[in-house]
Amino acid sequence: MSESKHIGLHIVEYLLNNCDGDVSDPVLVSWLSADDSNRTDFEAYKKIWKASRYYTETKMFDHEHAWQKVHRTLQRKESRHKQLAYMYYALSGAAAAIAIFFTLSYTGILRSESAVEMTVDVAYGNHSEVTLPDGSTVKLNAGSHAHYISNPRSNIRQLQFSGEGWFDVAKSKRPFVITVNDGLQIRVLGTTFNLSAYDDDATAQASLVEGSIEMSHGDDHLLITPGQAAVYNLKTKEITSTSVTPEQARAWIDKKIYMDETPLEEICKKLERHYDVHITLTGDIGTKLHYNGVLQEESIDDVMNALARTGKIKYAIKGRFITVSLTKPRS
């Protein structure tokens, strides 16, 4: 093992255990005493570490990988130029399939005027919750993608988004602007709302619970108030409003599906995302059959049983694959 890697392991061990305490590791003490530049670099490492821990805590950490990432950042820095430190975290538990990549500007850690970026991807069958660098929180539904950019120089907080999320945006004089599919934008200053904007859905809907938001596409703008939802039709390019209750807005968080003459294919699309399954609908039943009511079941088998109890369909499950067909009429 090279000397830099050897020292790196000691530095990371210190950062993991107590990055604000006195240095007691004799190897690290000796290295710090050997050269003033070592102490300067050590302080920089601590600033990078503290900034990265602001964004997430991790249960799995590779000491060697962490050292390589932090050390390479300082080795590649050039005078008055941005350098990036990349850190990768593989989360476990309920979010095992979530990959979160953080891009931290090196000068953003040491100088507050630089941009900070953050990207979150949530796989099917998983949910996640993340706190953005500005203090906003977002609960993310399955199959969601979010890329956050905060750049003080542009006086704006930006989020490129697809999927579904429950947003609690931190109040600020700097607008929070979400861009989704087809160039649609949602502009807020501080509010609570749900946004459903999957790339393969026919509509995008922002359901407002608190505050105010404006949905816009080109020259079309719509400002809504709590209890309303702004709906964008990707085919007609029109924005319309409708009424919505808080319970409907947060339905996916409560593991519910509200159905109001909802086509079976739309219901199945939500089930595919939530349970990470593939559903095949035979014939034209996806558009022919519509359902009303509220679905709230624990397993995919329970949900399919609930739909089948209407007497309209039957289904077969083989692992992650489900086939749905019409029941035969009784003779």
C-alpha atoms as a PDB file:
ATOM      1  CA  MET A   1       0.000   0.000   0.000  1.00  0.00           C
ATOM      2  CA  SER A   2       1.403   3.416  -0.926  1.00  0.00           C
ATOM      3  CA  GLU A   3       2.139   6.006   1.785  1.00  0.00           C
ATOM      4  CA  SER A   4      -0.710   8.288   0.616  1.00  0.00           C
ATOM      5  CA  LYS A   5      -3.206   5.448   0.793  1.00  0.00           C
ATOM      6  CA  HIS A   6      -1.872   4.422   4.198  1.00  0.00           C
ATOM      7  CA  ILE A   7      -2.312   7.933   5.587  1.00  0.00           C
ATOM      8  CA  GLY A   8      -5.667   8.162   3.821  1.00  0.00           C
ATOM      9  CA  LEU A   9      -7.064   5.220   5.780  1.00  0.00           C
ATOM     10  CA  HIS A  10      -6.042   6.897   9.026  1.00  0.00           C
ATOM     11  CA  ILE A  11      -7.663  10.172   7.931  1.00  0.00           C
ATOM     12  CA  VAL A  12     -10.938   8.472   6.976  1.00  0.00           C
ATOM     13  CA  GLU A  13     -10.937   6.520  10.257  1.00  0.00           C
ATOM     14  CA  TYR A  14     -10.623   9.814  12.119  1.00  0.00           C
ATOM     15  CA  LEU A  15     -13.410  11.420  10.054  1.00  0.00           C
ATOM     16  CA  LEU A  16     -15.740   8.484  10.640  1.00  0.00           C
ATOM     17  CA  ASN A  17     -15.214   8.441  14.421  1.00  0.00           C
ATOM     18  CA  ASN A  18     -14.948  12.093  15.408  1.00  0.00           C
ATOM     19  CA  CYS A  19     -14.114  14.709  12.813  1.00  0.00           C
ATOM     20  CA  ASP A  20     -14.240  17.531  15.403  1.00  0.00           C
ATOM     21  CA  GLY A  21     -12.155  15.982  18.161  1.00  0.00           C
ATOM     22  CA  ASP A  22      -8.457  16.019  18.888  1.00  0.00           C
ATOM     23  CA  VAL A  23      -6.194  13.812  16.800  1.00  0.00           C
ATOM     24  CA  SER A  24      -4.946  10.928  18.964  1.00  0.00           C
ATOM     25  CA  ASP A  25      -3.840   8.489  16.266  1.00  0.00           C
ATOM     26  CA  PRO A  26       0.014   8.485  16.534  1.00  0.00           C
ATOM     27  CA  VAL A  27       0.462   7.824  12.801  1.00  0.00           C
ATOM     28  CA  LEU A  28      -1.771  10.757  11.932  1.00  0.00           C
ATOM     29  CA  VAL A  29      -0.116  13.000  14.545  1.00  0.00           C
ATOM     30  CA  SER A  30       3.305  12.226  13.059  1.00  0.00           C
ATOM     31  CA  TRP A  31       2.094  12.948   9.513  1.00  0.00           C
ATOM     32  CA  LEU A  32       0.562  16.283  10.553  1.00  0.00           C
ATOM     33  CA  SER A  33       3.774  17.330  12.316  1.00  0.00           C
ATOM     34  CA  ALA A  34       5.970  16.444   9.348  1.00  0.00           C
ATOM     35  CA  ASP A  35       4.857  19.271   7.068  1.00  0.00           C
ATOM     36  CA  ASP A  36       2.607  22.340   7.284  1.00  0.00           C
ATOM     37  CA  SER A  37       1.079  21.450   3.924  1.00  0.00           C
ATOM     38  CA  ASN A  38      -0.180  18.167   5.423  1.00  0.00           C
ATOM     39  CA  ARG A  39      -2.105  20.077   8.085  1.00  0.00           C
ATOM     40  CA  THR A  40      -3.523  22.418   5.424  1.00  0.00           C
ATOM     41  CA  ASP A  41      -4.703  19.447   3.369  1.00  0.00           C
ATOM     42  CA  PHE A  42      -6.072  17.772   6.513  1.00  0.00           C
ATOM     43  CA  GLU A  43      -8.280  20.791   7.280  1.00  0.00           C
ATOM     44  CA  ALA A  44      -9.519  20.758   3.681  1.00  0.00           C
ATOM     45  CA  TYR A  45     -10.364  17.058   3.995  1.00  0.00           C
ATOM     46  CA  LYS A  46     -12.433  17.825   7.108  1.00  0.00           C
ATOM     47  CA  LYS A  47     -14.396  20.545   5.283  1.00  0.00           C
ATOM     48  CA  ILE A  48     -15.132  18.209   2.369  1.00  0.00           C
ATOM     49  CA  TRP A  49     -16.217  15.472   4.788  1.00  0.00           C
ATOM     50  CA  LYS A  50     -18.531  17.718   6.789  1.00  0.00           C
ATOM     51  CA  ALA A  51     -20.157  19.032   3.601  1.00  0.00           C
ATOM     52  CA  SER A  52     -20.751  15.527   2.247  1.00  0.00           C
ATOM     53  CA  ARG A  53     -22.314  14.361   5.535  1.00  0.00           C
ATOM     54  CA  TYR A  54     -24.803  17.231   5.302  1.00  0.00           C
ATOM     55  CA  TYR A  55     -26.478  15.489   2.391  1.00  0.00           C
ATOM     56  CA  THR A  56     -26.839  11.946   3.700  1.00  0.00           C
ATOM     57  CA  GLU A  57     -25.826   9.366   6.252  1.00  0.00           C
ATOM     58  CA  THR A  58     -24.774   5.936   4.990  1.00  0.00           C
ATOM     59  CA  LYS A  59     -24.711   2.481   6.565  1.00  0.00           C
ATOM     60  CA  MET A  60     -22.172   1.125   4.068  1.00  0.00           C
ATOM     61  CA  PHE A  61     -18.840   2.885   3.588  1.00  0.00           C
ATOM     62  CA  ASP A  62     -15.678   1.854   1.775  1.00  0.00           C
ATOM     63  CA  HIS A  63     -12.691   3.445   3.526  1.00  0.00           C
ATOM     64  CA  GLU A  64     -10.338   2.953   0.591  1.00  0.00           C
ATOM     65  CA  HIS A  65     -12.832   4.320  -1.923  1.00  0.00           C
ATOM     66  CA  ALA A  66     -13.598   7.343   0.239  1.00  0.00           C
ATOM     67  CA  TRP A  67      -9.918   8.217   0.597  1.00  0.00           C
ATOM     68  CA  GLN A  68      -9.307   7.950  -3.140  1.00  0.00           C
ATOM     69  CA  LYS A  69     -12.202  10.290  -3.895  1.00  0.00           C
ATOM     70  CA  VAL A  70     -11.273  12.962  -1.349  1.00  0.00           C
ATOM     71  CA  HIS A  71      -7.544  12.818  -2.030  1.00  0.00           C
ATOM     72  CA  ARG A  72      -7.964  12.961  -5.815  1.00  0.00           C
ATOM     73  CA  THR A  73     -10.002  16.120  -5.459  1.00  0.00           C
ATOM     74  CA  LEU A  74      -7.168  18.010  -3.791  1.00  0.00           C
ATOM     75  CA  GLN A  75      -4.533  16.586  -6.087  1.00  0.00           C
ATOM     76  CA  ARG A  76      -6.367  17.803  -9.203  1.00  0.00           C
ATOM     77  CA  LYS A  77      -7.330  21.276  -8.011  1.00  0.00           C
ATOM     78  CA  GLU A  78      -6.154  24.206 -10.113  1.00  0.00           C
ATOM     79  CA  SER A  79      -5.930  27.797  -8.957  1.00  0.00           C
ATOM     80  CA  ARG A  80      -9.319  29.609  -9.080  1.00  0.00           C
ATOM     81  CA  HIS A  81     -11.016  26.769 -10.997  1.00  0.00           C
ATOM     82  CA  LYS A  82     -13.859  24.555  -9.809  1.00  0.00           C
ATOM     83  CA  GLN A  83     -12.954  20.985  -8.976  1.00  0.00           C
ATOM     84  CA  LEU A  84     -15.469  18.301  -8.133  1.00  0.00           C
ATOM     85  CA  ALA A  85     -15.418  15.631  -5.473  1.00  0.00           C
ATOM     86  CA  TYR A  86     -17.660  12.670  -6.303  1.00  0.00           C
ATOM     87  CA  MET A  87     -19.018  10.378  -3.632  1.00  0.00           C
ATOM     88  CA  TYR A  88     -21.110   7.273  -4.217  1.00  0.00           C
ATOM     89  CA  TYR A  89     -23.441   5.776  -1.649  1.00  0.00           C
ATOM     90  CA  ALA A  90     -25.281   2.436  -1.980  1.00  0.00           C
ATOM     91  CA  LEU A  91     -28.118   2.518   0.517  1.00  0.00           C
ATOM     92  CA  SER A  92     -29.501  -0.575   2.255  1.00  0.00           C
ATOM     93  CA  GLY A  93     -32.780  -1.470   3.939  1.00  0.00           C
ATOM     94  CA  ALA A  94     -36.031  -0.292   2.366  1.00  0.00           C
ATOM     95  CA  ALA A  95     -34.117   1.727  -0.215  1.00  0.00           C
ATOM     96  CA  ALA A  96     -31.725  -0.975  -1.355  1.00  0.00           C
ATOM     97  CA  ALA A  97     -32.218  -0.261  -5.055  1.00  0.00           C
ATOM     98  CA  ILE A  98     -31.798   3.495  -4.748  1.00  0.00           C
ATOM     99  CA  ALA A  99     -28.633   4.993  -6.188  1.00  0.00           C
ATOM    100  CA  ILE A 100     -27.775   8.472  -4.980  1.00  0.00           C
ATOM    101  CA  PHE A 101     -24.976  10.402  -6.608  1.00  0.00           C
ATOM    102  CA  PHE A 102     -23.763  13.626  -5.084  1.00  0.00           C
ATOM    103  CA  THR A 103     -21.703  16.157  -7.012  1.00  0.00           C
ATOM    104  CA  LEU A 104     -20.097  18.592  -4.617  1.00  0.00           C
ATOM    105  CA  SER A 105     -18.202  21.548  -5.982  1.00  0.00           C
ATOM    106  CA  TYR A 106     -14.848  21.700  -4.226  1.00  0.00           C
ATOM    107  CA  THR A 107     -14.971  25.485  -4.140  1.00  0.00           C
ATOM    108  CA  GLY A 108     -18.626  25.157  -3.152  1.00  0.00           C
ATOM    109  CA  ILE A 109     -17.485  23.536   0.047  1.00  0.00           C
ATOM    110  CA  LEU A 110     -14.946  26.230   0.776  1.00  0.00           C
ATOM    111  CA  ARG A 111     -16.808  29.168  -0.768  1.00  0.00           C
ATOM    112  CA  SER A 112     -20.558  29.576  -0.443  1.00  0.00           C
ATOM    113  CA  GLU A 113     -21.075  31.328  -3.788  1.00  0.00           C
ATOM    114  CA  SER A 114     -20.515  28.161  -5.837  1.00  0.00           C
ATOM    115  CA  ALA A 115     -23.152  25.773  -7.141  1.00  0.00           C
ATOM    116  CA  VAL A 116     -24.144  22.505  -5.472  1.00  0.00           C
ATOM    117  CA  GLU A 117     -25.750  19.618  -7.379  1.00  0.00           C
ATOM    118  CA  MET A 118     -27.555  16.538  -6.160  1.00  0.00           C
ATOM    119  CA  THR A 119     -29.113  13.621  -8.061  1.00  0.00           C
ATOM    120  CA  VAL A 120     -31.488  10.961  -6.725  1.00  0.00           C
ATOM    121  CA  ASP A 121     -32.907   7.951  -8.563  1.00  0.00           C
ATOM    122  CA  VAL A 122     -35.509   5.625  -7.034  1.00  0.00           C
ATOM    123  CA  ALA A 123     -36.060   2.167  -8.509  1.00  0.00           C
ATOM    124  CA  TYR A 124     -39.452   0.540  -8.976  1.00  0.00           C
ATOM    125  CA  GLY A 125     -40.705  -1.107  -5.801  1.00  0.00           C
ATOM    126  CA  ASN A 126     -39.021   1.491  -3.563  1.00  0.00           C
ATOM    127  CA  HIS A 127     -39.780   4.842  -1.931  1.00  0.00           C
ATOM    128  CA  SER A 128     -37.316   7.359  -0.577  1.00  0.00           C
ATOM    129  CA  GLU A 129     -37.131  10.633   1.302  1.00  0.00           C
ATOM    130  CA  VAL A 130     -34.383  13.195   0.792  1.00  0.00           C
ATOM    131  CA  THR A 131     -33.496  16.594   2.206  1.00  0.00           C
ATOM    132  CA  LEU A 132     -32.170  18.958  -0.437  1.00  0.00           C
ATOM    133  CA  PRO A 133     -29.254  21.311   0.304  1.00  0.00           C
ATOM    134  CA  ASP A 134     -31.662  24.274   0.681  1.00  0.00           C
ATOM    135  CA  GLY A 135     -33.579  22.466   3.446  1.00  0.00           C
ATOM    136  CA  SER A 136     -36.525  21.387   1.271  1.00  0.00           C
ATOM    137  CA  THR A 137     -37.706  17.806   1.763  1.00  0.00           C
ATOM    138  CA  VAL A 138     -39.046  15.487  -0.931  1.00  0.00           C
ATOM    139  CA  LYS A 139     -40.704  12.105  -0.534  1.00  0.00           C
ATOM    140  CA  LEU A 140     -40.086  10.205  -3.768  1.00  0.00           C
ATOM    141  CA  ASN A 141     -42.330   7.524  -5.227  1.00  0.00           C
ATOM    142  CA  ALA A 142     -41.095   4.503  -7.170  1.00  0.00           C
ATOM    143  CA  GLY A 143     -39.464   5.201 -10.535  1.00  0.00           C
ATOM    144  CA  SER A 144     -38.655   8.841  -9.733  1.00  0.00           C
ATOM    145  CA  HIS A 145     -35.628  10.896 -10.800  1.00  0.00           C
ATOM    146  CA  ALA A 146     -34.572  14.257  -9.365  1.00  0.00           C
ATOM    147  CA  HIS A 147     -31.566  16.421 -10.216  1.00  0.00           C
ATOM    148  CA  TYR A 148     -31.177  19.486  -7.999  1.00  0.00           C
ATOM    149  CA  ILE A 149     -28.987  22.503  -8.774  1.00  0.00           C
ATOM    150  CA  SER A 150     -28.551  25.423  -6.407  1.00  0.00           C
ATOM    151  CA  ASN A 151     -26.534  28.280  -7.862  1.00  0.00           C
ATOM    152  CA  PRO A 152     -26.563  31.520  -5.841  1.00  0.00           C
ATOM    153  CA  ARG A 153     -25.183  33.428  -8.806  1.00  0.00           C
ATOM    154  CA  SER A 154     -28.326  32.665 -10.823  1.00  0.00           C
ATOM    155  CA  ASN A 155     -30.553  33.468  -7.798  1.00  0.00           C
ATOM    156  CA  ILE A 156     -32.641  30.346  -8.375  1.00  0.00           C
ATOM    157  CA  ARG A 157     -33.105  26.814  -7.086  1.00  0.00           C
ATOM    158  CA  GLN A 158     -33.639  24.347  -9.943  1.00  0.00           C
ATOM    159  CA  LEU A 159     -34.898  20.768 -10.014  1.00  0.00           C
ATOM    160  CA  GLN A 160     -35.175  18.544 -13.082  1.00  0.00           C
ATOM    161  CA  PHE A 161     -37.773  15.938 -12.212  1.00  0.00           C
ATOM    162  CA  SER A 162     -39.678  12.918 -13.450  1.00  0.00           C
ATOM    163  CA  GLY A 163     -41.843  10.541 -11.451  1.00  0.00           C
ATOM    164  CA  GLU A 164     -43.871  11.453  -8.380  1.00  0.00           C
ATOM    165  CA  GLY A 165     -42.910  13.377  -5.278  1.00  0.00           C
ATOM    166  CA  TRP A 166     -44.375  15.025  -2.201  1.00  0.00           C
ATOM    167  CA  PHE A 167     -42.628  18.388  -1.865  1.00  0.00           C
ATOM    168  CA  ASP A 168     -42.218  20.518   1.237  1.00  0.00           C
ATOM    169  CA  VAL A 169     -40.245  23.437  -0.195  1.00  0.00           C
ATOM    170  CA  ALA A 170     -38.240  25.610   2.192  1.00  0.00           C
ATOM    171  CA  LYS A 171     -39.284  29.251   2.073  1.00  0.00           C
ATOM    172  CA  SER A 172     -36.755  31.553   0.415  1.00  0.00           C
ATOM    173  CA  LYS A 173     -36.590  34.689  -1.678  1.00  0.00           C
ATOM    174  CA  ARG A 174     -34.918  32.528  -4.310  1.00  0.00           C
ATOM    175  CA  PRO A 175     -37.598  30.804  -6.451  1.00  0.00           C
ATOM    176  CA  PHE A 176     -37.724  27.005  -6.568  1.00  0.00           C
ATOM    177  CA  VAL A 177     -38.365  25.936 -10.187  1.00  0.00           C
ATOM    178  CA  ILE A 178     -39.154  22.347 -11.187  1.00  0.00           C
ATOM    179  CA  THR A 179     -38.803  21.354 -14.850  1.00  0.00           C
ATOM    180  CA  VAL A 180     -40.526  18.149 -15.938  1.00  0.00           C
ATOM    181  CA  ASN A 181     -41.299  16.373 -19.206  1.00  0.00           C
ATOM    182  CA  ASP A 182     -42.104  18.413 -22.314  1.00  0.00           C
ATOM    183  CA  GLY A 183     -40.582  21.578 -20.853  1.00  0.00           C
ATOM    184  CA  LEU A 184     -43.353  22.004 -18.280  1.00  0.00           C
ATOM    185  CA  GLN A 185     -42.378  24.125 -15.260  1.00  0.00           C
ATOM    186  CA  ILE A 186     -43.699  24.498 -11.721  1.00  0.00           C
ATOM    187  CA  ARG A 187     -42.563  27.625  -9.860  1.00  0.00           C
ATOM    188  CA  VAL A 188     -42.793  27.975  -6.055  1.00  0.00           C
ATOM    189  CA  LEU A 189     -41.379  30.107  -3.247  1.00  0.00           C
ATOM    190  CA  GLY A 190     -42.246  27.851  -0.316  1.00  0.00           C
ATOM    191  CA  THR A 191     -45.148  25.432  -0.232  1.00  0.00           C
ATOM    192  CA  THR A 192     -46.391  21.854   0.112  1.00  0.00           C
ATOM    193  CA  PHE A 193     -47.683  19.912  -2.873  1.00  0.00           C
ATOM    194  CA  ASN A 194     -47.612  16.603  -4.702  1.00  0.00           C
ATOM    195  CA  LEU A 195     -46.265  16.380  -8.238  1.00  0.00           C
ATOM    196  CA  SER A 196     -46.964  13.419 -10.500  1.00  0.00           C
ATOM    197  CA  ALA A 197     -45.045  13.701 -13.768  1.00  0.00           C
ATOM    198  CA  TYR A 198     -43.928  10.327 -15.088  1.00  0.00           C
ATOM    199  CA  ASP A 199     -42.478  10.453 -18.584  1.00  0.00           C
ATOM    200  CA  ASP A 200     -44.822   7.729 -19.834  1.00  0.00           C
ATOM    201  CA  ASP A 201     -48.034   9.237 -18.405  1.00  0.00           C
ATOM    202  CA  ALA A 202     -50.497  11.211 -20.531  1.00  0.00           C
ATOM    203  CA  THR A 203     -50.737  14.027 -17.987  1.00  0.00           C
ATOM    204  CA  ALA A 204     -48.670  15.753 -15.332  1.00  0.00           C
ATOM    205  CA  GLN A 205     -50.475  16.924 -12.201  1.00  0.00           C
ATOM    206  CA  ALA A 206     -49.435  19.225  -9.357  1.00  0.00           C
ATOM    207  CA  SER A 207     -51.810  18.990  -6.378  1.00  0.00           C
ATOM    208  CA  LEU A 208     -51.463  21.885  -3.943  1.00  0.00           C
ATOM    209  CA  VAL A 209     -51.923  21.466  -0.181  1.00  0.00           C
ATOM    210  CA  GLU A 210     -50.355  24.665   1.177  1.00  0.00           C
ATOM    211  CA  GLY A 211     -49.019  27.911  -0.312  1.00  0.00           C
ATOM    212  CA  SER A 212     -49.206  28.642  -4.027  1.00  0.00           C
ATOM    213  CA  ILE A 213     -47.589  27.363  -7.198  1.00  0.00           C
ATOM    214  CA  GLU A 214     -47.658  28.332 -10.842  1.00  0.00           C
ATOM    215  CA  MET A 215     -47.598  25.783 -13.641  1.00  0.00           C
ATOM    216  CA  SER A 216     -46.429  27.051 -17.010  1.00  0.00           C
ATOM    217  CA  HIS A 217     -45.712  25.788 -20.499  1.00  0.00           C
ATOM    218  CA  GLY A 218     -44.676  28.329 -23.091  1.00  0.00           C
ATOM    219  CA  ASP A 219     -47.106  31.239 -22.858  1.00  0.00           C
ATOM    220  CA  ASP A 220     -49.666  29.208 -20.898  1.00  0.00           C
ATOM    221  CA  HIS A 221     -49.619  29.933 -17.133  1.00  0.00           C
ATOM    222  CA  LEU A 222     -51.885  28.781 -14.314  1.00  0.00           C
ATOM    223  CA  LEU A 223     -51.647  29.873 -10.661  1.00  0.00           C
ATOM    224  CA  ILE A 224     -53.472  27.584  -8.239  1.00  0.00           C
ATOM    225  CA  THR A 225     -54.453  27.757  -4.557  1.00  0.00           C
ATOM    226  CA  PRO A 226     -54.715  25.010  -1.894  1.00  0.00           C
ATOM    227  CA  GLY A 227     -57.361  22.431  -2.740  1.00  0.00           C
ATOM    228  CA  GLN A 228     -56.655  22.730  -6.465  1.00  0.00           C
ATOM    229  CA  ALA A 229     -54.562  20.716  -8.882  1.00  0.00           C
ATOM    230  CA  ALA A 230     -52.967  21.962 -12.101  1.00  0.00           C
ATOM    231  CA  VAL A 231     -53.132  19.339 -14.836  1.00  0.00           C
ATOM    232  CA  TYR A 232     -51.034  19.425 -18.013  1.00  0.00           C
ATOM    233  CA  ASN A 233     -52.101  17.293 -20.985  1.00  0.00           C
ATOM    234  CA  LEU A 234     -49.036  16.211 -22.949  1.00  0.00           C
ATOM    235  CA  LYS A 235     -51.103  15.623 -26.092  1.00  0.00           C
ATOM    236  CA  THR A 236     -53.114  18.843 -26.247  1.00  0.00           C
ATOM    237  CA  LYS A 237     -50.446  20.961 -24.464  1.00  0.00           C
ATOM    238  CA  GLU A 238     -53.195  22.514 -22.341  1.00  0.00           C
ATOM    239  CA  ILE A 239     -53.135  23.315 -18.617  1.00  0.00           C
ATOM    240  CA  THR A 240     -56.396  23.012 -16.691  1.00  0.00           C
ATOM    241  CA  SER A 241     -57.364  23.036 -13.014  1.00  0.00           C
ATOM    242  CA  THR A 242     -59.412  20.646 -10.931  1.00  0.00           C
ATOM    243  CA  SER A 243     -60.273  20.247  -7.252  1.00  0.00           C
ATOM    244  CA  VAL A 244     -58.341  17.810  -5.054  1.00  0.00           C
ATOM    245  CA  THR A 245     -58.364  16.851  -1.374  1.00  0.00           C
ATOM    246  CA  PRO A 246     -55.202  16.490   0.731  1.00  0.00           C
ATOM    247  CA  GLU A 247     -55.989  12.782   1.056  1.00  0.00           C
ATOM    248  CA  GLN A 248     -56.056  12.380  -2.704  1.00  0.00           C
ATOM    249  CA  ALA A 249     -52.875  14.414  -3.101  1.00  0.00           C
ATOM    250  CA  ARG A 250     -50.902  12.148  -0.762  1.00  0.00           C
ATOM    251  CA  ALA A 251     -52.600   8.891  -1.744  1.00  0.00           C
ATOM    252  CA  TRP A 252     -49.421   7.043  -2.751  1.00  0.00           C
ATOM    253  CA  ILE A 253     -47.768   7.911   0.580  1.00  0.00           C
ATOM    254  CA  ASP A 254     -50.737   6.331   2.384  1.00  0.00           C
ATOM    255  CA  LYS A 255     -50.525   3.314   0.033  1.00  0.00           C
ATOM    256  CA  LYS A 256     -53.867   4.127  -1.567  1.00  0.00           C
ATOM    257  CA  ILE A 257     -55.121   4.392  -5.129  1.00  0.00           C
ATOM    258  CA  TYR A 258     -58.169   6.603  -5.623  1.00  0.00           C
ATOM    259  CA  MET A 259     -60.261   5.508  -8.595  1.00  0.00           C
ATOM    260  CA  ASP A 260     -62.850   7.676 -10.338  1.00  0.00           C
ATOM    261  CA  GLU A 261     -63.825   5.936 -13.563  1.00  0.00           C
ATOM    262  CA  THR A 262     -60.130   5.101 -13.803  1.00  0.00           C
ATOM    263  CA  PRO A 263     -59.108   2.832 -16.712  1.00  0.00           C
ATOM    264  CA  LEU A 264     -57.629  -0.510 -15.709  1.00  0.00           C
ATOM    265  CA  GLU A 265     -54.432   0.218 -17.679  1.00  0.00           C
ATOM    266  CA  GLU A 266     -53.804   3.346 -15.581  1.00  0.00           C
ATOM    267  CA  ILE A 267     -54.319   1.393 -12.368  1.00  0.00           C
ATOM    268  CA  CYS A 268     -51.956  -1.339 -13.534  1.00  0.00           C
ATOM    269  CA  LYS A 269     -49.279   1.198 -14.444  1.00  0.00           C
ATOM    270  CA  LYS A 270     -49.281   2.430 -10.837  1.00  0.00           C
ATOM    271  CA  LEU A 271     -49.169  -1.127  -9.543  1.00  0.00           C
ATOM    272  CA  GLU A 272     -46.172  -1.928 -11.755  1.00  0.00           C
ATOM    273  CA  ARG A 273     -44.221   0.976 -10.289  1.00  0.00           C
ATOM    274  CA  HIS A 274     -45.233   0.363  -6.691  1.00  0.00           C
ATOM    275  CA  TYR A 275     -44.657  -3.402  -6.615  1.00  0.00           C
ATOM    276  CA  ASP A 276     -41.985  -3.679  -9.347  1.00  0.00           C
ATOM    277  CA  VAL A 277     -44.027  -6.150 -11.395  1.00  0.00           C
ATOM    278  CA  HIS A 278     -44.935  -6.500 -15.066  1.00  0.00           C
ATOM    279  CA  ILE A 279     -48.663  -6.721 -15.876  1.00  0.00           C
ATOM    280  CA  THR A 280     -49.967  -7.924 -19.233  1.00  0.00           C
ATOM    281  CA  LEU A 281     -53.551  -7.001 -20.100  1.00  0.00           C
ATOM    282  CA  THR A 282     -55.188  -9.177 -22.737  1.00  0.00           C
ATOM    283  CA  GLY A 283     -57.257  -7.663 -25.528  1.00  0.00           C
ATOM    284  CA  ASP A 284     -58.634  -4.176 -24.958  1.00  0.00           C
ATOM    285  CA  ILE A 285     -59.560  -4.584 -21.289  1.00  0.00           C
ATOM    286  CA  GLY A 286     -57.059  -1.905 -20.274  1.00  0.00           C
ATOM    287  CA  THR A 287     -59.158   0.835 -21.826  1.00  0.00           C
ATOM    288  CA  LYS A 288     -62.522  -0.929 -21.716  1.00  0.00           C
ATOM    289  CA  LEU A 289     -62.742  -1.526 -17.958  1.00  0.00           C
ATOM    290  CA  HIS A 290     -63.028   1.390 -15.495  1.00  0.00           C
ATOM    291  CA  TYR A 291     -63.092   1.339 -11.697  1.00  0.00           C
ATOM    292  CA  ASN A 292     -64.357   3.510  -8.852  1.00  0.00           C
ATOM    293  CA  GLY A 293     -63.446   3.499  -5.174  1.00  0.00           C
ATOM    294  CA  VAL A 294     -60.234   3.254  -3.162  1.00  0.00           C
ATOM    295  CA  LEU A 295     -57.648   0.481  -3.270  1.00  0.00           C
ATOM    296  CA  GLN A 296     -55.597  -0.067  -0.131  1.00  0.00           C
ATOM    297  CA  GLU A 297     -53.964  -3.456   0.126  1.00  0.00           C
ATOM    298  CA  GLU A 298     -50.600  -4.693   1.376  1.00  0.00           C
ATOM    299  CA  SER A 299     -49.428  -7.121  -1.322  1.00  0.00           C
ATOM    300  CA  ILE A 300     -49.865  -7.231  -5.089  1.00  0.00           C
ATOM    301  CA  ASP A 301     -51.836 -10.457  -4.703  1.00  0.00           C
ATOM    302  CA  ASP A 302     -54.224  -8.669  -2.314  1.00  0.00           C
ATOM    303  CA  VAL A 303     -54.682  -5.831  -4.819  1.00  0.00           C
ATOM    304  CA  MET A 304     -55.361  -8.175  -7.730  1.00  0.00           C
ATOM    305  CA  ASN A 305     -57.826 -10.111  -5.561  1.00  0.00           C
ATOM    306  CA  ALA A 306     -59.658  -6.873  -4.782  1.00  0.00           C
ATOM    307  CA  LEU A 307     -59.928  -6.027  -8.491  1.00  0.00           C
ATOM    308  CA  ALA A 308     -60.989  -9.561  -9.354  1.00  0.00           C
ATOM    309  CA  ARG A 309     -63.777  -9.490  -6.762  1.00  0.00           C
ATOM    310  CA  THR A 310     -65.678  -7.168  -9.067  1.00  0.00           C
ATOM    311  CA  GLY A 311     -66.251 -10.233 -11.212  1.00  0.00           C
ATOM    312  CA  LYS A 312     -64.876  -8.545 -14.328  1.00  0.00           C
ATOM    313  CA  ILE A 313     -61.360  -9.993 -14.480  1.00  0.00           C
ATOM    314  CA  LYS A 314     -59.217 -12.965 -13.535  1.00  0.00           C
ATOM    315  CA  TYR A 315     -55.456 -13.021 -13.172  1.00  0.00           C
ATOM    316  CA  ALA A 316     -52.442 -15.319 -12.934  1.00  0.00           C
ATOM    317  CA  ILE A 317     -49.195 -14.490 -11.117  1.00  0.00           C
ATOM    318  CA  LYS A 318     -45.840 -16.090 -11.925  1.00  0.00           C
ATOM    319  CA  GLY A 319     -43.104 -14.371  -9.954  1.00  0.00           C
ATOM    320  CA  ARG A 320     -43.015 -10.720 -11.066  1.00  0.00           C
ATOM    321  CA  PHE A 321     -45.205 -11.356 -14.096  1.00  0.00           C
ATOM    322  CA  ILE A 322     -48.986 -11.001 -13.986  1.00  0.00           C
ATOM    323  CA  THR A 323     -51.492 -11.726 -16.741  1.00  0.00           C
ATOM    324  CA  VAL A 324     -54.978 -10.215 -16.544  1.00  0.00           C
ATOM    325  CA  SER A 325     -57.913 -11.271 -18.713  1.00  0.00           C
ATOM    326  CA  LEU A 326     -61.697 -11.008 -18.780  1.00  0.00           C
ATOM    327  CA  THR A 327     -63.710 -13.564 -16.894  1.00  0.00           C
ATOM    328  CA  LYS A 328     -65.885 -15.781 -19.045  1.00  0.00           C
ATOM    329  CA  PRO A 329     -69.574 -14.877 -18.846  1.00  0.00           C
ATOM    330  CA  ARG A 330     -71.669 -17.418 -17.004  1.00  0.00           C
ATOM    331  CA  SER A 331     -73.943 -19.506 -19.143  1.00  0.00           C
END
